[in-house]
C-alpha atoms as a PDB file:
ATOM      1  CA  MET A   1     180.822 135.435 137.607  1.00  0.00           C
ATOM      2  CA  ILE A   2     178.817 138.680 137.671  1.00  0.00           C
ATOM      3  CA  PHE A   3     179.348 139.241 133.947  1.00  0.00           C
ATOM      4  CA  GLN A   4     178.194 135.699 133.209  1.00  0.00           C
ATOM      5  CA  MET A   5     175.028 136.248 135.219  1.00  0.00           C
ATOM      6  CA  ILE A   6     174.285 139.566 133.482  1.00  0.00           C
ATOM      7  CA  ALA A   7     174.897 138.100 130.026  1.00  0.00           C
ATOM      8  CA  LEU A   8     172.707 135.061 130.672  1.00  0.00           C
ATOM      9  CA  ALA A   9     169.926 137.300 132.013  1.00  0.00           C
ATOM     10  CA  VAL A  10     170.216 139.456 128.879  1.00  0.00           C
ATOM     11  CA  LEU A  11     169.986 136.446 126.570  1.00  0.00           C
ATOM     12  CA  LEU A  12     167.080 134.988 128.534  1.00  0.00           C
ATOM     13  CA  ALA A  13     165.105 138.248 128.381  1.00  0.00           C
ATOM     14  CA  PHE A  14     165.996 138.939 124.743  1.00  0.00           C
ATOM     15  CA  TYR A  15     165.260 135.519 123.293  1.00  0.00           C
ATOM     16  CA  GLY A  16     162.419 134.981 125.731  1.00  0.00           C
ATOM     17  CA  CYS A  17     160.761 138.051 124.208  1.00  0.00           C
ATOM     18  CA  TYR A  18     161.574 136.898 120.666  1.00  0.00           C
ATOM     19  CA  PHE A  19     160.235 133.362 120.963  1.00  0.00           C
ATOM     20  CA  GLY A  20     157.473 134.346 123.377  1.00  0.00           C
ATOM     21  CA  LYS A  21     156.095 136.795 120.810  1.00  0.00           C
ATOM     22  CA  MET A  22     156.444 134.221 118.055  1.00  0.00           C
ATOM     23  CA  PHE A  23     154.569 131.596 120.105  1.00  0.00           C
ATOM     24  CA  SER A  24     151.873 134.109 121.061  1.00  0.00           C
ATOM     25  CA  GLN A  25     151.289 135.090 117.438  1.00  0.00           C
ATOM     26  CA  LYS A  26     151.283 131.478 116.290  1.00  0.00           C
ATOM     27  CA  LYS A  27     148.444 130.722 118.725  1.00  0.00           C
ATOM     28  CA  ARG A  28     146.444 133.441 116.954  1.00  0.00           C
ATOM     29  CA  GLY A  29     147.216 132.067 113.503  1.00  0.00           C
ATOM     30  CA  ILE A  30     149.961 134.578 112.662  1.00  0.00           C
ATOM     31  CA  GLN A  31     153.098 133.225 111.000  1.00  0.00           C
ATOM     32  CA  THR A  32     155.850 135.387 112.497  1.00  0.00           C
ATOM     33  CA  ASP A  33     158.858 133.790 110.820  1.00  0.00           C
ATOM     34  CA  GLN A  34     158.763 134.951 107.206  1.00  0.00           C
ATOM     35  CA  ILE A  35     162.513 134.734 106.632  1.00  0.00           C
ATOM     36  CA  GLY A  36     163.215 133.385 103.141  1.00  0.00           C
ATOM     37  CA  LYS A  37     159.640 132.244 102.598  1.00  0.00           C
ATOM     38  CA  GLY A  38     158.269 132.930  99.120  1.00  0.00           C
ATOM     39  CA  LYS A  39     161.417 134.883  98.216  1.00  0.00           C
ATOM     40  CA  LYS A  40     163.754 134.546  95.246  1.00  0.00           C
ATOM     41  CA  GLY A  41     167.203 135.665  94.194  1.00  0.00           C
ATOM     42  CA  ALA A  42     169.162 138.184  96.249  1.00  0.00           C
ATOM     43  CA  VAL A  43     166.320 138.751  98.727  1.00  0.00           C
ATOM     44  CA  LYS A  44     166.144 135.044  99.578  1.00  0.00           C
ATOM     45  CA  PHE A  45     169.937 134.836  99.851  1.00  0.00           C
ATOM     46  CA  ILE A  46     170.122 137.809 102.227  1.00  0.00           C
ATOM     47  CA  GLU A  47     167.323 136.561 104.457  1.00  0.00           C
ATOM     48  CA  ILE A  48     168.580 132.968 104.672  1.00  0.00           C
ATOM     49  CA  THR A  49     172.166 134.102 105.305  1.00  0.00           C
ATOM     50  CA  MET A  50     170.899 136.505 107.973  1.00  0.00           C
ATOM     51  CA  LYS A  51     168.978 133.666 109.632  1.00  0.00           C
ATOM     52  CA  ILE A  52     172.045 131.400 109.694  1.00  0.00           C
ATOM     53  CA  ALA A  53     174.110 134.236 111.183  1.00  0.00           C
ATOM     54  CA  THR A  54     171.541 134.907 113.908  1.00  0.00           C
ATOM     55  CA  ILE A  55     171.624 131.224 114.884  1.00  0.00           C
ATOM     56  CA  ALA A  56     175.436 131.201 114.964  1.00  0.00           C
ATOM     57  CA  VAL A  57     175.770 134.277 117.196  1.00  0.00           C
ATOM     58  CA  PRO A  58     173.986 132.985 120.330  1.00  0.00           C
ATOM     59  CA  ILE A  59     175.928 129.719 120.035  1.00  0.00           C
ATOM     60  CA  ALA A  60     179.194 131.694 119.997  1.00  0.00           C
ATOM     61  CA  GLU A  61     177.881 133.891 122.810  1.00  0.00           C
ATOM     62  CA  ILE A  62     176.986 130.958 125.079  1.00  0.00           C
ATOM     63  CA  ILE A  63     180.383 129.322 124.517  1.00  0.00           C
ATOM     64  CA  SER A  64     182.119 132.647 125.237  1.00  0.00           C
ATOM     65  CA  ILE A  65     180.040 133.180 128.388  1.00  0.00           C
ATOM     66  CA  ALA A  66     180.864 129.652 129.592  1.00  0.00           C
ATOM     67  CA  LEU A  67     184.590 130.253 129.071  1.00  0.00           C
ATOM     68  CA  ASN A  68     184.287 133.675 130.779  1.00  0.00           C
ATOM     69  CA  ALA A  69     187.464 134.956 129.148  1.00  0.00           C
ATOM     70  CA  SER A  70     187.981 138.467 127.824  1.00  0.00           C
ATOM     71  CA  ARG A  71     190.845 140.569 126.516  1.00  0.00           C
ATOM     72  CA  PHE A  72     189.257 143.726 127.929  1.00  0.00           C
ATOM     73  CA  SER A  73     189.426 145.510 131.271  1.00  0.00           C
ATOM     74  CA  THR A  74     186.677 145.371 133.881  1.00  0.00           C
ATOM     75  CA  GLY A  75     185.612 148.896 132.923  1.00  0.00           C
ATOM     76  CA  ILE A  76     185.044 147.951 129.285  1.00  0.00           C
ATOM     77  CA  ARG A  77     183.226 144.797 130.332  1.00  0.00           C
ATOM     78  CA  CYS A  78     180.960 146.915 132.574  1.00  0.00           C
ATOM     79  CA  ALA A  79     180.241 149.212 129.618  1.00  0.00           C
ATOM     80  CA  GLY A  80     179.424 146.121 127.568  1.00  0.00           C
ATOM     81  CA  SER A  81     176.937 144.939 130.168  1.00  0.00           C
ATOM     82  CA  VAL A  82     175.172 148.322 130.086  1.00  0.00           C
ATOM     83  CA  ILE A  83     175.040 148.255 126.265  1.00  0.00           C
ATOM     84  CA  ALA A  84     173.667 144.695 126.257  1.00  0.00           C
ATOM     85  CA  VAL A  85     170.930 145.592 128.759  1.00  0.00           C
ATOM     86  CA  MET A  86     170.052 148.677 126.692  1.00  0.00           C
ATOM     87  CA  GLY A  87     169.841 146.525 123.562  1.00  0.00           C
ATOM     88  CA  THR A  88     167.453 144.136 125.258  1.00  0.00           C
ATOM     89  CA  ALA A  89     165.244 147.021 126.419  1.00  0.00           C
ATOM     90  CA  VAL A  90     165.222 148.525 122.908  1.00  0.00           C
ATOM     91  CA  PHE A  91     164.306 145.178 121.352  1.00  0.00           C
ATOM     92  CA  ILE A  92     161.499 144.485 123.825  1.00  0.00           C
ATOM     93  CA  CYS A  93     160.101 148.001 123.280  1.00  0.00           C
ATOM     94  CA  SER A  94     160.141 147.450 119.522  1.00  0.00           C
ATOM     95  CA  VAL A  95     158.300 144.129 119.730  1.00  0.00           C
ATOM     96  CA  VAL A  96     155.697 145.510 122.151  1.00  0.00           C
ATOM     97  CA  THR A  97     155.143 148.627 120.030  1.00  0.00           C
ATOM     98  CA  MET A  98     154.735 146.648 116.799  1.00  0.00           C
ATOM     99  CA  ARG A  99     152.039 144.448 118.360  1.00  0.00           C
ATOM    100  CA  ASP A 100     150.770 142.003 115.724  1.00  0.00           C
ATOM    101  CA  ASN A 101     152.524 143.891 112.911  1.00  0.00           C
ATOM    102  CA  TRP A 102     155.830 142.349 114.011  1.00  0.00           C
ATOM    103  CA  ARG A 103     157.434 139.844 111.612  1.00  0.00           C
ATOM    104  CA  ALA A 104     160.848 138.245 111.256  1.00  0.00           C
ATOM    105  CA  GLY A 105     161.538 138.944 107.588  1.00  0.00           C
ATOM    106  CA  VAL A 106     159.103 140.596 105.218  1.00  0.00           C
ATOM    107  CA  SER A 107     155.769 139.082 104.220  1.00  0.00           C
ATOM    108  CA  GLU A 108     154.301 139.700 100.793  1.00  0.00           C
ATOM    109  CA  THR A 109     150.948 138.203 101.830  1.00  0.00           C
ATOM    110  CA  ASP A 110     150.246 139.353 105.411  1.00  0.00           C
ATOM    111  CA  LYS A 111     148.566 142.727 105.712  1.00  0.00           C
ATOM    112  CA  THR A 112     150.319 144.856 108.330  1.00  0.00           C
ATOM    113  CA  GLU A 113     150.304 148.508 109.319  1.00  0.00           C
ATOM    114  CA  LEU A 114     153.203 150.952 109.253  1.00  0.00           C
ATOM    115  CA  THR A 115     154.279 151.574 112.845  1.00  0.00           C
ATOM    116  CA  THR A 116     155.686 155.049 113.489  1.00  0.00           C
ATOM    117  CA  THR A 117     154.869 155.660 117.151  1.00  0.00           C
ATOM    118  CA  GLY A 118     156.638 154.871 120.418  1.00  0.00           C
ATOM    119  CA  ILE A 119     160.235 153.790 119.913  1.00  0.00           C
ATOM    120  CA  TYR A 120     159.625 153.838 116.156  1.00  0.00           C
ATOM    121  CA  ALA A 121     159.395 157.630 116.394  1.00  0.00           C
ATOM    122  CA  ILE A 122     163.152 157.742 117.053  1.00  0.00           C
ATOM    123  CA  SER A 123     164.345 154.674 115.123  1.00  0.00           C
ATOM    124  CA  ARG A 124     163.032 153.086 111.947  1.00  0.00           C
ATOM    125  CA  ASN A 125     164.638 149.769 112.886  1.00  0.00           C
ATOM    126  CA  PRO A 126     164.737 149.438 116.683  1.00  0.00           C
ATOM    127  CA  ALA A 127     164.558 145.616 116.622  1.00  0.00           C
ATOM    128  CA  PHE A 128     167.719 145.441 114.519  1.00  0.00           C
ATOM    129  CA  LEU A 129     169.275 148.138 116.692  1.00  0.00           C
ATOM    130  CA  GLY A 130     168.466 146.013 119.738  1.00  0.00           C
ATOM    131  CA  PHE A 131     170.151 142.988 118.187  1.00  0.00           C
ATOM    132  CA  ASP A 132     173.238 145.051 117.344  1.00  0.00           C
ATOM    133  CA  LEU A 133     173.513 146.517 120.835  1.00  0.00           C
ATOM    134  CA  VAL A 134     173.228 143.092 122.464  1.00  0.00           C
ATOM    135  CA  TYR A 135     175.881 141.730 120.105  1.00  0.00           C
ATOM    136  CA  ILE A 136     178.215 144.654 120.845  1.00  0.00           C
ATOM    137  CA  GLY A 137     177.607 144.440 124.583  1.00  0.00           C
ATOM    138  CA  ILE A 138     178.288 140.721 124.895  1.00  0.00           C
ATOM    139  CA  ALA A 139     181.319 140.973 122.592  1.00  0.00           C
ATOM    140  CA  LEU A 140     182.757 143.630 124.915  1.00  0.00           C
ATOM    141  CA  MET A 141     182.036 141.484 127.962  1.00  0.00           C
ATOM    142  CA  PHE A 142     183.547 138.258 126.562  1.00  0.00           C
ATOM    143  CA  PHE A 143     185.754 139.390 123.699  1.00  0.00           C
ATOM    144  CA  ASN A 144     187.346 136.807 121.442  1.00  0.00           C
ATOM    145  CA  TRP A 145     187.937 136.958 117.711  1.00  0.00           C
ATOM    146  CA  ILE A 146     185.445 134.236 116.787  1.00  0.00           C
ATOM    147  CA  LEU A 147     182.630 135.938 118.698  1.00  0.00           C
ATOM    148  CA  TYR A 148     183.609 139.293 117.186  1.00  0.00           C
ATOM    149  CA  ALA A 149     183.672 137.916 113.621  1.00  0.00           C
ATOM    150  CA  VAL A 150     180.336 136.095 113.912  1.00  0.00           C
ATOM    151  CA  SER A 151     178.643 139.101 115.567  1.00  0.00           C
ATOM    152  CA  ALA A 152     180.040 141.562 113.010  1.00  0.00           C
ATOM    153  CA  PHE A 153     178.882 139.346 110.138  1.00  0.00           C
ATOM    154  CA  ALA A 154     175.369 139.093 111.596  1.00  0.00           C
ATOM    155  CA  ALA A 155     175.235 142.881 112.051  1.00  0.00           C
ATOM    156  CA  LEU A 156     176.291 143.296 108.406  1.00  0.00           C
ATOM    157  CA  MET A 157     173.524 140.940 107.289  1.00  0.00           C
ATOM    158  CA  PHE A 158     170.997 142.932 109.336  1.00  0.00           C
ATOM    159  CA  HIS A 159     172.096 146.089 107.527  1.00  0.00           C
ATOM    160  CA  LEU A 160     171.802 144.408 104.118  1.00  0.00           C
ATOM    161  CA  GLN A 161     168.349 143.132 105.106  1.00  0.00           C
ATOM    162  CA  ILE A 162     167.287 146.674 105.975  1.00  0.00           C
ATOM    163  CA  VAL A 163     168.669 148.511 102.929  1.00  0.00           C
ATOM    164  CA  ASN A 164     168.104 145.829 100.280  1.00  0.00           C
ATOM    165  CA  VAL A 165     164.924 144.103 101.455  1.00  0.00           C
ATOM    166  CA  GLU A 166     162.886 145.872 104.134  1.00  0.00           C
ATOM    167  CA  GLU A 167     163.106 149.447 102.875  1.00  0.00           C
ATOM    168  CA  ASP A 168     162.101 148.436  99.342  1.00  0.00           C
ATOM    169  CA  PHE A 169     159.243 146.346 100.723  1.00  0.00           C
ATOM    170  CA  LEU A 170     157.968 149.178 102.953  1.00  0.00           C
ATOM    171  CA  LEU A 171     158.161 151.684 100.124  1.00  0.00           C
ATOM    172  CA  GLY A 172     156.133 149.394  97.894  1.00  0.00           C
ATOM    173  CA  ALA A 173     153.614 148.579 100.625  1.00  0.00           C
ATOM    174  CA  PHE A 174     153.073 152.038 102.125  1.00  0.00           C
ATOM    175  CA  GLY A 175     154.245 154.514  99.471  1.00  0.00           C
ATOM    176  CA  GLU A 176     154.102 158.167 100.491  1.00  0.00           C
ATOM    177  CA  ALA A 177     153.418 157.347 104.140  1.00  0.00           C
ATOM    178  CA  TYR A 178     156.711 155.461 104.330  1.00  0.00           C
ATOM    179  CA  LEU A 179     158.556 158.172 102.391  1.00  0.00           C
ATOM    180  CA  ASP A 180     157.377 160.778 104.896  1.00  0.00           C
ATOM    181  CA  TYR A 181     158.421 158.525 107.755  1.00  0.00           C
ATOM    182  CA  ARG A 182     161.829 157.827 106.184  1.00  0.00           C
ATOM    183  CA  ASN A 183     162.393 161.541 105.732  1.00  0.00           C
ATOM    184  CA  THR A 184     161.577 162.186 109.397  1.00  0.00           C
ATOM    185  CA  VAL A 185     163.256 159.347 111.327  1.00  0.00           C
ATOM    186  CA  ASN A 186     166.789 157.987 110.881  1.00  0.00           C
ATOM    187  CA  ARG A 187     167.460 154.376 109.966  1.00  0.00           C
ATOM    188  CA  TYR A 188     168.932 153.501 113.359  1.00  0.00           C
ATOM    189  CA  VAL A 189     168.483 156.324 115.836  1.00  0.00           C
ATOM    190  CA  GLY A 190     167.405 159.959 115.903  1.00  0.00           C
ATOM    191  CA  ARG A 191     165.030 162.229 114.078  1.00  0.00           C
ATOM    192  CA  LYS A 192     166.006 164.246 111.027  1.00  0.00           C
ATOM    193  CA  ARG A 193     165.968 167.993 110.994  1.00  0.00           C
ATOM    194  CA  LYS A 194     163.382 169.397 108.689  1.00  0.00           C
ATOM    195  CA  ARG A 195     164.924 171.815 106.242  1.00  0.00           C
ATOM    196  CA  SER A 196     163.242 175.172 106.203  1.00  0.00           C
ATOM    197  CA  ILE A 197     162.308 176.432 102.792  1.00  0.00           C
ATOM    198  CA  PRO A 198     163.584 179.990 102.277  1.00  0.00           C
ATOM    199  CA  HIS A 199     160.957 182.531 101.306  1.00  0.00           C
ATOM    200  CA  SER A 200     161.657 184.418  98.114  1.00  0.00           C
END
């Protein structure tokens, strides 16, 4: 029962933040959901597939939580609960830090600023990292093969969104500023060591 309560609290906080931010921006005339809109080809396919996957995961999670069955020990399930809570905290920090620059999917028309402070100083993609950690945490708490497969597929689509859509978009939108940022902060977590140039 305790794992069910933790998981439901995680999902409530996570998706409450997600949809709360979306509703708040909509009231100010900001279209948050840009997934697949105005896109063509591979970019549209990746974003739409990612969106379908992110709808499928919470459905699988809720069913798994209701069944409350797991192949793992209590210790692993406890570790999963910690990871899920961490993922929620990371996601909320990312949304708060981005302020009105936050979008779901990339927007070719909205003018946004490159965010490099706060949690973005140690991760270029903390929102995606938050999603992944929540997925991992809940999968460890309520492991079954369907939940694992759906969560793994969604995580893969997030990665493809980052490397094939978002990074290209950011490079085109922010140029050298994004290059400097990319050379300083890792894609998921950590800062890069600056190589010292030997003096001749």
